[in-house]
Amino acid sequence: MLHFSTIGVIISLRGGENMTKVGELIQKGREEGENALGKLMDILLSKGDVANAKLAATDEKARKELYRKYGIIEKP
């Protein structure tokens, strides 16, 4: 997930050379998001909570609440 500090870096970058850095930051954000979802799915499925796994897969608000519930992301 992109954090505010990462977004600040993206906003402050300029020029072609820095576009590589922006791409790297975007890729890092994607990887963090995939890892968070994978961790959530692992937790839910190991508990046999298929209903919440399906909900997390389709409902962004519910997914974020579950991330917080299981300590996967910090509370804002």
N, C-alpha and C. Protein backbone atom coordinates (compact mmCIF):
# COMPACT_ATOMS: atom_id res chain seq x y z
N MET A 1 0.83 -1.17 0.00
CA MET A 1 0.00 0.00 0.00
C MET A 1 0.88 1.24 0.00
N LEU A 2 0.43 2.26 -0.67
CA LEU A 2 1.18 3.50 -0.65
C LEU A 2 0.92 4.24 0.65
N HIS A 3 1.98 4.69 1.24
CA HIS A 3 1.88 5.47 2.46
C HIS A 3 2.03 6.94 2.11
N PHE A 4 1.61 7.82 3.02
CA PHE A 4 1.69 9.25 2.74
C PHE A 4 3.11 9.69 2.43
N SER A 5 4.12 9.11 3.10
CA SER A 5 5.50 9.48 2.81
C SER A 5 5.88 9.11 1.38
N THR A 6 5.40 7.97 0.91
CA THR A 6 5.67 7.56 -0.47
C THR A 6 5.01 8.50 -1.45
N ILE A 7 3.78 8.90 -1.17
CA ILE A 7 3.06 9.83 -2.04
C ILE A 7 3.80 11.16 -2.10
N GLY A 8 4.32 11.63 -0.97
CA GLY A 8 5.07 12.88 -0.93
C GLY A 8 6.30 12.81 -1.81
N VAL A 9 6.98 11.68 -1.83
CA VAL A 9 8.15 11.51 -2.68
C VAL A 9 7.74 11.55 -4.14
N ILE A 10 6.65 10.90 -4.48
CA ILE A 10 6.18 10.89 -5.86
C ILE A 10 5.86 12.31 -6.32
N ILE A 11 5.18 13.07 -5.48
CA ILE A 11 4.80 14.43 -5.84
C ILE A 11 6.02 15.31 -6.04
N SER A 12 7.07 15.10 -5.23
CA SER A 12 8.23 15.97 -5.30
C SER A 12 9.21 15.60 -6.43
N LEU A 13 9.06 14.48 -7.07
CA LEU A 13 9.97 14.07 -8.12
C LEU A 13 9.68 14.80 -9.42
N ARG A 14 10.77 15.11 -10.16
CA ARG A 14 10.62 15.77 -11.46
C ARG A 14 11.64 15.21 -12.43
N GLY A 15 11.32 15.25 -13.71
CA GLY A 15 12.27 14.86 -14.74
C GLY A 15 12.20 13.39 -15.08
N GLY A 16 12.77 13.05 -16.26
CA GLY A 16 12.74 11.68 -16.77
C GLY A 16 13.46 10.69 -15.88
N GLU A 17 14.60 11.08 -15.33
CA GLU A 17 15.36 10.18 -14.46
C GLU A 17 14.54 9.76 -13.25
N ASN A 18 13.77 10.68 -12.75
CA ASN A 18 12.97 10.40 -11.56
C ASN A 18 11.73 9.56 -11.86
N MET A 19 11.35 9.47 -13.13
CA MET A 19 10.21 8.65 -13.49
C MET A 19 10.49 7.18 -13.16
N THR A 20 11.76 6.78 -13.24
CA THR A 20 12.13 5.43 -12.86
C THR A 20 11.83 5.21 -11.39
N LYS A 21 12.15 6.19 -10.57
CA LYS A 21 11.88 6.09 -9.14
C LYS A 21 10.38 6.01 -8.88
N VAL A 22 9.60 6.78 -9.60
CA VAL A 22 8.15 6.74 -9.46
C VAL A 22 7.65 5.33 -9.79
N GLY A 23 8.14 4.76 -10.87
CA GLY A 23 7.75 3.41 -11.25
C GLY A 23 8.11 2.40 -10.18
N GLU A 24 9.29 2.56 -9.58
CA GLU A 24 9.72 1.67 -8.50
C GLU A 24 8.80 1.80 -7.30
N LEU A 25 8.42 3.02 -6.96
CA LEU A 25 7.53 3.24 -5.82
C LEU A 25 6.14 2.65 -6.07
N ILE A 26 5.66 2.80 -7.29
CA ILE A 26 4.35 2.22 -7.64
C ILE A 26 4.42 0.71 -7.53
N GLN A 27 5.49 0.12 -8.06
CA GLN A 27 5.65 -1.33 -7.98
C GLN A 27 5.73 -1.79 -6.52
N LYS A 28 6.45 -1.05 -5.69
CA LYS A 28 6.54 -1.38 -4.27
C LYS A 28 5.16 -1.35 -3.62
N GLY A 29 4.37 -0.34 -3.96
CA GLY A 29 3.01 -0.24 -3.43
C GLY A 29 2.15 -1.41 -3.85
N ARG A 30 2.28 -1.83 -5.09
CA ARG A 30 1.52 -2.99 -5.57
C ARG A 30 1.92 -4.24 -4.80
N GLU A 31 3.22 -4.42 -4.62
CA GLU A 31 3.71 -5.60 -3.89
C GLU A 31 3.22 -5.60 -2.45
N GLU A 32 3.24 -4.44 -1.81
CA GLU A 32 2.75 -4.33 -0.43
C GLU A 32 1.26 -4.68 -0.36
N GLY A 33 0.50 -4.21 -1.34
CA GLY A 33 -0.93 -4.51 -1.39
C GLY A 33 -1.20 -5.99 -1.60
N GLU A 34 -0.44 -6.60 -2.50
CA GLU A 34 -0.60 -8.04 -2.74
C GLU A 34 -0.23 -8.84 -1.50
N ASN A 35 0.85 -8.44 -0.84
CA ASN A 35 1.27 -9.14 0.38
C ASN A 35 0.23 -9.00 1.48
N ALA A 36 -0.35 -7.82 1.62
CA ALA A 36 -1.38 -7.60 2.64
C ALA A 36 -2.60 -8.48 2.36
N LEU A 37 -3.03 -8.51 1.12
CA LEU A 37 -4.20 -9.33 0.76
C LEU A 37 -3.89 -10.82 0.97
N GLY A 38 -2.68 -11.24 0.58
CA GLY A 38 -2.29 -12.63 0.78
C GLY A 38 -2.29 -13.01 2.25
N LYS A 39 -1.77 -12.13 3.08
CA LYS A 39 -1.74 -12.38 4.52
C LYS A 39 -3.15 -12.47 5.09
N LEU A 40 -4.02 -11.56 4.66
CA LEU A 40 -5.40 -11.58 5.12
C LEU A 40 -6.09 -12.87 4.70
N MET A 41 -5.92 -13.26 3.45
CA MET A 41 -6.54 -14.49 2.97
C MET A 41 -6.02 -15.70 3.74
N ASP A 42 -4.73 -15.73 4.01
CA ASP A 42 -4.15 -16.84 4.78
C ASP A 42 -4.78 -16.93 6.16
N ILE A 43 -4.92 -15.79 6.83
CA ILE A 43 -5.53 -15.77 8.16
C ILE A 43 -6.98 -16.25 8.10
N LEU A 44 -7.74 -15.67 7.19
CA LEU A 44 -9.16 -16.00 7.11
C LEU A 44 -9.39 -17.46 6.74
N LEU A 45 -8.66 -17.94 5.75
CA LEU A 45 -8.87 -19.31 5.31
C LEU A 45 -8.36 -20.33 6.32
N SER A 46 -7.30 -19.98 7.06
CA SER A 46 -6.82 -20.91 8.09
C SER A 46 -7.82 -21.01 9.24
N LYS A 47 -8.64 -19.97 9.40
CA LYS A 47 -9.71 -20.00 10.40
C LYS A 47 -11.00 -20.61 9.85
N GLY A 48 -10.99 -20.92 8.58
CA GLY A 48 -12.20 -21.44 7.93
C GLY A 48 -13.25 -20.38 7.67
N ASP A 49 -12.83 -19.12 7.67
CA ASP A 49 -13.75 -17.99 7.50
C ASP A 49 -13.88 -17.64 6.02
N VAL A 50 -14.50 -18.53 5.28
CA VAL A 50 -14.65 -18.36 3.84
C VAL A 50 -15.54 -17.16 3.51
N ALA A 51 -16.54 -16.93 4.33
CA ALA A 51 -17.45 -15.80 4.07
C ALA A 51 -16.70 -14.48 4.09
N ASN A 52 -15.85 -14.26 5.09
CA ASN A 52 -15.08 -13.01 5.14
C ASN A 52 -14.00 -12.98 4.07
N ALA A 53 -13.46 -14.12 3.68
CA ALA A 53 -12.49 -14.15 2.59
C ALA A 53 -13.14 -13.69 1.29
N LYS A 54 -14.35 -14.18 1.02
CA LYS A 54 -15.09 -13.75 -0.17
C LYS A 54 -15.42 -12.26 -0.08
N LEU A 55 -15.84 -11.81 1.10
CA LEU A 55 -16.17 -10.41 1.29
C LEU A 55 -14.94 -9.53 1.06
N ALA A 56 -13.81 -9.93 1.61
CA ALA A 56 -12.57 -9.16 1.45
C ALA A 56 -12.15 -9.08 -0.01
N ALA A 57 -12.44 -10.11 -0.77
CA ALA A 57 -12.07 -10.15 -2.18
C ALA A 57 -12.90 -9.19 -3.02
N THR A 58 -14.09 -8.83 -2.54
CA THR A 58 -14.99 -8.04 -3.38
C THR A 58 -15.40 -6.68 -2.80
N ASP A 59 -15.15 -6.45 -1.52
CA ASP A 59 -15.63 -5.24 -0.86
C ASP A 59 -14.45 -4.50 -0.21
N GLU A 60 -14.05 -3.39 -0.83
CA GLU A 60 -12.87 -2.65 -0.36
C GLU A 60 -13.01 -2.18 1.09
N LYS A 61 -14.17 -1.67 1.45
CA LYS A 61 -14.38 -1.17 2.80
C LYS A 61 -14.25 -2.31 3.82
N ALA A 62 -14.88 -3.43 3.54
CA ALA A 62 -14.80 -4.59 4.43
C ALA A 62 -13.36 -5.10 4.51
N ARG A 63 -12.67 -5.12 3.38
CA ARG A 63 -11.27 -5.58 3.34
C ARG A 63 -10.41 -4.72 4.25
N LYS A 64 -10.57 -3.40 4.17
CA LYS A 64 -9.78 -2.49 5.01
C LYS A 64 -10.09 -2.70 6.49
N GLU A 65 -11.36 -2.94 6.81
CA GLU A 65 -11.73 -3.21 8.20
C GLU A 65 -11.07 -4.50 8.69
N LEU A 66 -11.04 -5.50 7.83
CA LEU A 66 -10.40 -6.77 8.20
C LEU A 66 -8.88 -6.60 8.33
N TYR A 67 -8.26 -5.80 7.47
CA TYR A 67 -6.84 -5.51 7.61
C TYR A 67 -6.56 -4.94 9.01
N ARG A 68 -7.38 -3.99 9.42
CA ARG A 68 -7.19 -3.37 10.73
C ARG A 68 -7.45 -4.37 11.86
N LYS A 69 -8.52 -5.14 11.73
CA LYS A 69 -8.88 -6.12 12.76
C LYS A 69 -7.73 -7.09 13.03
N TYR A 70 -7.04 -7.52 11.97
CA TYR A 70 -5.97 -8.50 12.12
C TYR A 70 -4.58 -7.86 12.16
N GLY A 71 -4.52 -6.54 12.27
CA GLY A 71 -3.25 -5.85 12.43
C GLY A 71 -2.35 -5.88 11.20
N ILE A 72 -2.95 -6.01 10.04
CA ILE A 72 -2.17 -6.06 8.81
C ILE A 72 -1.77 -4.66 8.35
N ILE A 73 -2.66 -3.70 8.57
CA ILE A 73 -2.32 -2.30 8.31
C ILE A 73 -2.59 -1.50 9.57
N GLU A 74 -1.91 -0.39 9.67
CA GLU A 74 -2.09 0.49 10.82
C GLU A 74 -3.41 1.22 10.71
N LYS A 75 -3.98 1.52 11.85
CA LYS A 75 -5.19 2.33 11.86
C LYS A 75 -4.82 3.76 11.51
N PRO A 76 -5.62 4.41 10.65
CA PRO A 76 -5.28 5.79 10.24
C PRO A 76 -5.44 6.78 11.38
